């Protein structure tokens, strides 16, 4: 096993924290890439990139807020080129399905000369329990402009499993995996699964895009609100409705279902009434 650490960007986030924990359990040294880390890293300050990369053997790249955000492709290109120049050639990029901007970042990774793997993920199931949809679930009303569109929600645990495999096994170099859950659900169906698992009255309410953007602006800030609005208006239009075989191709097993996610998450108490 290598003595050089693997850099995990977004190492305190939904995917990065799980990747870091799995690598540590395997005995692989990990360097967390975050603003508060021992060696600080931020996407906004490229002067932090070199110190975070030096001495590492590979990197898991999760871009904040998302590869669909303006300027992401340029940042990914510059980061990957710097990594390769410093001898860090195994790079695993978290990407998104159906996002043209994300695909530009993928191209930057491909042309960097790195030993790359791309994880093109669908909508995270954990957005309902670890992100901006947690409070609406607790309030009992999840208001979104998603209509009847269906999405094969992916369990972040599956993303982390594939990422660790790609970081530690050369057999995944040059592979693009589209990661989804095993079935497509509407947001109404997903909320219903959560309501059953949590034994709570939680409802899905359809609102307009304008109402959604206005409600989010004060809660998460205009930049992230704008990105989420982009997702709901352009990406969540049915283009990603079909489940893929990515998890099975990478790991030789079926992906976790949304129902499994809902039951496992409900058991933690995160959706408990009065939390």
Protein backbone atom coordinates (compact mmCIF):
# COMPACT_ATOMS: atom_id res chain seq x y z
CA UNK A 1 0.00 0.00 0.00
CA UNK A 2 1.33 3.44 -0.87
CA UNK A 3 2.76 5.60 1.90
CA UNK A 4 1.84 8.76 0.06
CA UNK A 5 -1.57 10.16 1.01
CA UNK A 6 -4.50 10.51 -1.34
CA UNK A 7 -5.91 14.03 -1.53
CA UNK A 8 -9.67 14.10 -1.04
CA UNK A 9 -11.15 17.44 -2.07
CA UNK A 10 -14.41 18.27 -0.34
CA UNK A 11 -13.25 15.84 2.31
CA UNK A 12 -15.86 17.02 4.79
CA UNK A 13 -18.74 16.94 2.29
CA UNK A 14 -21.31 14.30 1.32
CA UNK A 15 -19.07 12.27 -0.97
CA UNK A 16 -15.63 13.31 0.21
CA UNK A 17 -16.18 12.41 3.87
CA UNK A 18 -17.25 8.91 2.86
CA UNK A 19 -14.33 8.49 0.46
CA UNK A 20 -11.90 9.61 3.17
CA UNK A 21 -13.41 7.24 5.75
CA UNK A 22 -13.22 4.26 3.39
CA UNK A 23 -9.62 4.97 2.42
CA UNK A 24 -8.65 5.32 6.08
CA UNK A 25 -10.32 2.00 6.87
CA UNK A 26 -8.20 0.41 4.14
CA UNK A 27 -5.06 1.81 5.73
CA UNK A 28 -4.50 4.40 3.02
CA UNK A 29 -3.19 7.76 4.27
CA UNK A 30 -5.59 10.61 3.47
CA UNK A 31 -5.10 14.35 3.11
CA UNK A 32 -8.33 16.30 3.42
CA UNK A 33 -8.72 19.18 0.99
CA UNK A 34 -10.90 21.81 2.64
CA UNK A 35 -10.78 25.37 3.88
CA UNK A 36 -10.25 24.23 7.50
CA UNK A 37 -7.76 21.43 6.81
CA UNK A 38 -4.21 21.35 8.18
CA UNK A 39 -3.07 22.30 4.67
CA UNK A 40 -5.94 24.59 3.62
CA UNK A 41 -7.50 24.22 0.19
CA UNK A 42 -10.06 26.41 -1.55
CA UNK A 43 -11.10 26.51 -5.19
CA UNK A 44 -11.20 30.29 -5.03
CA UNK A 45 -7.47 30.60 -4.21
CA UNK A 46 -5.25 28.67 -6.64
CA UNK A 47 -2.27 29.39 -4.38
CA UNK A 48 -3.63 26.72 -2.03
CA UNK A 49 -3.67 24.02 -4.71
CA UNK A 50 0.05 23.24 -4.90
CA UNK A 51 0.63 22.75 -1.16
CA UNK A 52 -2.42 20.47 -0.97
CA UNK A 53 -1.22 18.37 -3.93
CA UNK A 54 2.49 18.05 -3.13
CA UNK A 55 3.48 14.67 -1.81
CA UNK A 56 0.18 12.97 -2.66
CA UNK A 57 -0.26 9.95 -4.91
CA UNK A 58 -3.78 10.60 -6.25
CA UNK A 59 -6.71 12.96 -5.84
CA UNK A 60 -10.48 12.74 -5.60
CA UNK A 61 -11.87 15.91 -7.16
CA UNK A 62 -15.20 17.27 -5.97
CA UNK A 63 -15.76 20.84 -7.16
CA UNK A 64 -17.80 23.32 -5.11
CA UNK A 65 -20.53 24.27 -5.69
CA UNK A 66 -20.84 22.05 -8.78
CA UNK A 67 -19.19 21.45 -12.15
CA UNK A 68 -22.20 23.14 -13.73
CA UNK A 69 -21.20 26.45 -12.15
CA UNK A 70 -19.55 29.17 -14.30
CA UNK A 71 -15.77 28.94 -14.32
CA UNK A 72 -15.65 25.33 -13.20
CA UNK A 73 -14.06 23.95 -16.38
CA UNK A 74 -11.23 26.48 -16.29
CA UNK A 75 -10.53 25.70 -12.63
CA UNK A 76 -10.59 21.94 -13.21
CA UNK A 77 -8.26 22.28 -16.19
CA UNK A 78 -5.74 24.36 -14.25
CA UNK A 79 -5.92 22.08 -11.21
CA UNK A 80 -5.43 18.89 -13.25
CA UNK A 81 -2.49 20.35 -15.15
CA UNK A 82 -0.87 21.40 -11.88
CA UNK A 83 -1.46 17.96 -10.39
CA UNK A 84 0.18 16.20 -13.33
CA UNK A 85 3.14 18.61 -13.23
CA UNK A 86 3.65 17.66 -9.58
CA UNK A 87 3.50 13.94 -10.33
CA UNK A 88 -0.04 13.35 -9.12
CA UNK A 89 -1.43 11.44 -12.07
CA UNK A 90 -4.31 9.35 -10.68
CA UNK A 91 -7.29 11.72 -10.70
CA UNK A 92 -10.92 10.77 -10.04
CA UNK A 93 -13.48 13.45 -10.93
CA UNK A 94 -17.02 13.66 -9.53
CA UNK A 95 -19.23 14.92 -12.34
CA UNK A 96 -22.96 15.26 -13.02
CA UNK A 97 -25.29 13.65 -15.54
CA UNK A 98 -26.77 15.81 -18.27
CA UNK A 99 -24.76 18.95 -17.49
CA UNK A 100 -22.99 20.47 -20.48
CA UNK A 101 -20.77 22.56 -18.23
CA UNK A 102 -19.74 19.45 -16.32
CA UNK A 103 -18.80 17.72 -19.57
CA UNK A 104 -16.45 20.61 -20.34
CA UNK A 105 -14.68 19.90 -17.06
CA UNK A 106 -14.48 16.23 -17.99
CA UNK A 107 -12.74 17.19 -21.23
CA UNK A 108 -10.23 19.28 -19.28
CA UNK A 109 -9.43 16.24 -17.15
CA UNK A 110 -9.06 13.96 -20.18
CA UNK A 111 -6.56 16.24 -21.93
CA UNK A 112 -4.45 16.83 -18.80
CA UNK A 113 -2.41 13.64 -19.27
CA UNK A 114 -3.66 12.18 -16.00
CA UNK A 115 -4.71 8.59 -15.37
CA UNK A 116 -8.34 9.64 -15.08
CA UNK A 117 -11.65 8.18 -14.00
CA UNK A 118 -14.94 10.09 -14.27
CA UNK A 119 -17.90 9.45 -11.98
CA UNK A 120 -20.93 11.03 -13.64
CA UNK A 121 -23.57 10.89 -10.92
CA UNK A 122 -27.32 11.44 -10.89
CA UNK A 123 -29.20 13.39 -8.19
CA UNK A 124 -27.98 12.45 -4.69
CA UNK A 125 -30.49 10.66 -2.46
CA UNK A 126 -28.71 12.31 0.48
CA UNK A 127 -29.92 15.74 -0.64
CA UNK A 128 -33.03 14.86 1.35
CA UNK A 129 -31.09 14.21 4.56
CA UNK A 130 -27.77 16.07 4.41
CA UNK A 131 -28.47 19.12 2.29
CA UNK A 132 -30.96 21.84 1.45
CA UNK A 133 -33.98 19.49 1.44
CA UNK A 134 -33.56 18.28 5.03
CA UNK A 135 -35.39 21.21 6.64
CA UNK A 136 -38.35 20.98 4.23
CA UNK A 137 -38.65 17.26 5.02
CA UNK A 138 -38.64 18.09 8.74
CA UNK A 139 -41.25 20.79 8.13
CA UNK A 140 -43.45 18.28 6.33
CA UNK A 141 -43.64 20.13 3.00
CA UNK A 142 -41.06 19.75 0.25
CA UNK A 143 -41.77 22.43 -2.36
CA UNK A 144 -39.94 22.02 -5.67
CA UNK A 145 -40.45 22.96 -9.34
CA UNK A 146 -39.78 19.39 -10.49
CA UNK A 147 -43.26 18.46 -11.71
CA UNK A 148 -43.60 14.79 -12.67
CA UNK A 149 -40.04 14.34 -13.94
CA UNK A 150 -38.39 11.13 -12.75
CA UNK A 151 -34.81 10.71 -11.54
CA UNK A 152 -32.82 7.55 -10.69
CA UNK A 153 -31.56 8.95 -7.37
CA UNK A 154 -28.11 7.61 -6.50
CA UNK A 155 -27.02 6.70 -2.99
CA UNK A 156 -23.85 8.60 -2.09
CA UNK A 157 -22.57 5.43 -0.43
CA UNK A 158 -22.36 3.90 -3.92
CA UNK A 159 -20.49 6.92 -5.27
CA UNK A 160 -17.95 6.59 -2.45
CA UNK A 161 -17.49 2.87 -3.10
CA UNK A 162 -16.78 3.49 -6.79
CA UNK A 163 -14.48 6.43 -6.03
CA UNK A 164 -12.35 4.37 -3.66
CA UNK A 165 -12.12 1.56 -6.19
CA UNK A 166 -11.01 4.05 -8.86
CA UNK A 167 -8.42 5.62 -6.55
CA UNK A 168 -6.86 2.31 -5.51
CA UNK A 169 -7.26 -0.01 -8.53
CA UNK A 170 -5.61 0.79 -11.87
CA UNK A 171 -8.30 -1.24 -13.64
CA UNK A 172 -10.58 1.81 -13.53
CA UNK A 173 -8.20 4.18 -15.35
CA UNK A 174 -9.76 5.68 -18.45
CA UNK A 175 -13.30 4.70 -17.46
CA UNK A 176 -16.39 6.89 -17.31
CA UNK A 177 -19.08 5.50 -15.00
CA UNK A 178 -22.62 6.91 -15.04
CA UNK A 179 -23.82 6.28 -11.50
CA UNK A 180 -27.53 6.02 -10.73
CA UNK A 181 -29.88 4.11 -8.51
CA UNK A 182 -31.69 1.01 -9.84
CA UNK A 183 -35.01 2.73 -10.53
CA UNK A 184 -36.37 6.12 -11.55
CA UNK A 185 -38.72 7.89 -9.15
CA UNK A 186 -40.57 11.18 -9.30
CA UNK A 187 -39.84 13.61 -6.48
CA UNK A 188 -43.36 12.90 -5.24
CA UNK A 189 -42.55 9.17 -5.13
CA UNK A 190 -39.28 9.84 -3.31
CA UNK A 191 -41.02 11.97 -0.68
CA UNK A 192 -43.62 9.25 -0.23
CA UNK A 193 -40.85 6.70 0.42
CA UNK A 194 -39.35 9.02 3.03
CA UNK A 195 -42.74 9.55 4.68
CA UNK A 196 -43.27 5.80 5.02
CA UNK A 197 -39.74 5.12 6.27
CA UNK A 198 -39.85 7.98 8.79
CA UNK A 199 -43.49 7.33 9.76
CA UNK A 200 -44.26 11.01 9.24
CA UNK A 201 -46.61 13.12 7.17
CA UNK A 202 -44.32 14.59 4.52
CA UNK A 203 -45.79 15.95 1.29
CA UNK A 204 -44.46 17.09 -2.05
CA UNK A 205 -45.82 20.38 -3.37
CA UNK A 206 -45.12 21.60 -6.88
CA UNK A 207 -44.22 25.30 -7.18
CA UNK A 208 -43.01 27.53 -9.99
CA UNK A 209 -39.36 28.10 -10.74
CA UNK A 210 -39.73 31.75 -9.71
CA UNK A 211 -41.18 30.77 -6.34
CA UNK A 212 -38.39 28.27 -5.82
CA UNK A 213 -35.65 30.78 -6.61
CA UNK A 214 -37.16 33.42 -4.34
CA UNK A 215 -37.50 30.99 -1.43
CA UNK A 216 -33.90 29.80 -1.77
CA UNK A 217 -32.19 33.16 -2.17
CA UNK A 218 -32.30 34.05 1.52
CA UNK A 219 -31.64 30.50 2.70
CA UNK A 220 -28.59 29.44 0.69
CA UNK A 221 -27.44 32.66 -0.95
CA UNK A 222 -27.96 33.91 -4.51
CA UNK A 223 -25.08 31.96 -6.10
CA UNK A 224 -26.16 28.51 -4.88
CA UNK A 225 -29.82 29.39 -5.39
CA UNK A 226 -29.05 30.24 -8.99
CA UNK A 227 -27.27 26.95 -9.49
CA UNK A 228 -30.15 24.93 -8.01
CA UNK A 229 -32.61 26.79 -10.19
CA UNK A 230 -30.47 25.90 -13.21
CA UNK A 231 -30.63 22.23 -12.22
CA UNK A 232 -34.40 22.22 -11.94
CA UNK A 233 -35.04 24.23 -15.10
CA UNK A 234 -32.48 22.67 -17.45
CA UNK A 235 -31.07 19.41 -16.12
CA UNK A 236 -34.17 17.94 -14.47
CA UNK A 237 -36.14 17.80 -17.70
CA UNK A 238 -36.24 14.05 -18.15
CA UNK A 239 -32.88 13.72 -19.92
CA UNK A 240 -31.51 11.66 -17.01
CA UNK A 241 -34.59 9.53 -16.36
CA UNK A 242 -33.10 6.21 -17.44
CA UNK A 243 -31.11 4.24 -14.83
CA UNK A 244 -27.66 3.08 -15.89
CA UNK A 245 -25.37 0.11 -15.20
CA UNK A 246 -22.50 2.23 -13.89
CA UNK A 247 -22.39 0.87 -10.33
CA UNK A 248 -22.56 -2.72 -11.54
CA UNK A 249 -19.89 -2.07 -14.17
CA UNK A 250 -17.53 -0.60 -11.56
CA UNK A 251 -18.24 -2.85 -8.59
CA UNK A 252 -19.92 -5.99 -9.93
CA UNK A 253 -23.04 -5.47 -7.83
CA UNK A 254 -26.35 -3.69 -8.06
CA UNK A 255 -26.73 -0.14 -6.70
CA UNK A 256 -28.57 0.58 -3.47
CA UNK A 257 -32.23 1.47 -3.92
CA UNK A 258 -33.88 4.68 -2.76
CA UNK A 259 -36.11 2.64 -0.45
CA UNK A 260 -33.02 1.14 1.17
CA UNK A 261 -31.57 4.63 1.58
CA UNK A 262 -34.82 5.93 3.12
CA UNK A 263 -35.08 3.08 5.62
CA UNK A 264 -31.41 3.29 6.61
CA UNK A 265 -31.56 7.05 6.99
CA UNK A 266 -34.82 7.02 8.95
CA UNK A 267 -33.20 4.64 11.43
CA UNK A 268 -30.61 7.30 12.28
CA UNK A 269 -33.35 9.62 13.56
CA UNK A 270 -32.39 12.50 11.26
CA UNK A 271 -36.01 12.83 10.10
CA UNK A 272 -37.52 12.36 13.55
CA UNK A 273 -40.28 14.74 14.54
CA UNK A 274 -39.08 17.37 17.01
CA UNK A 275 -35.43 16.86 16.10
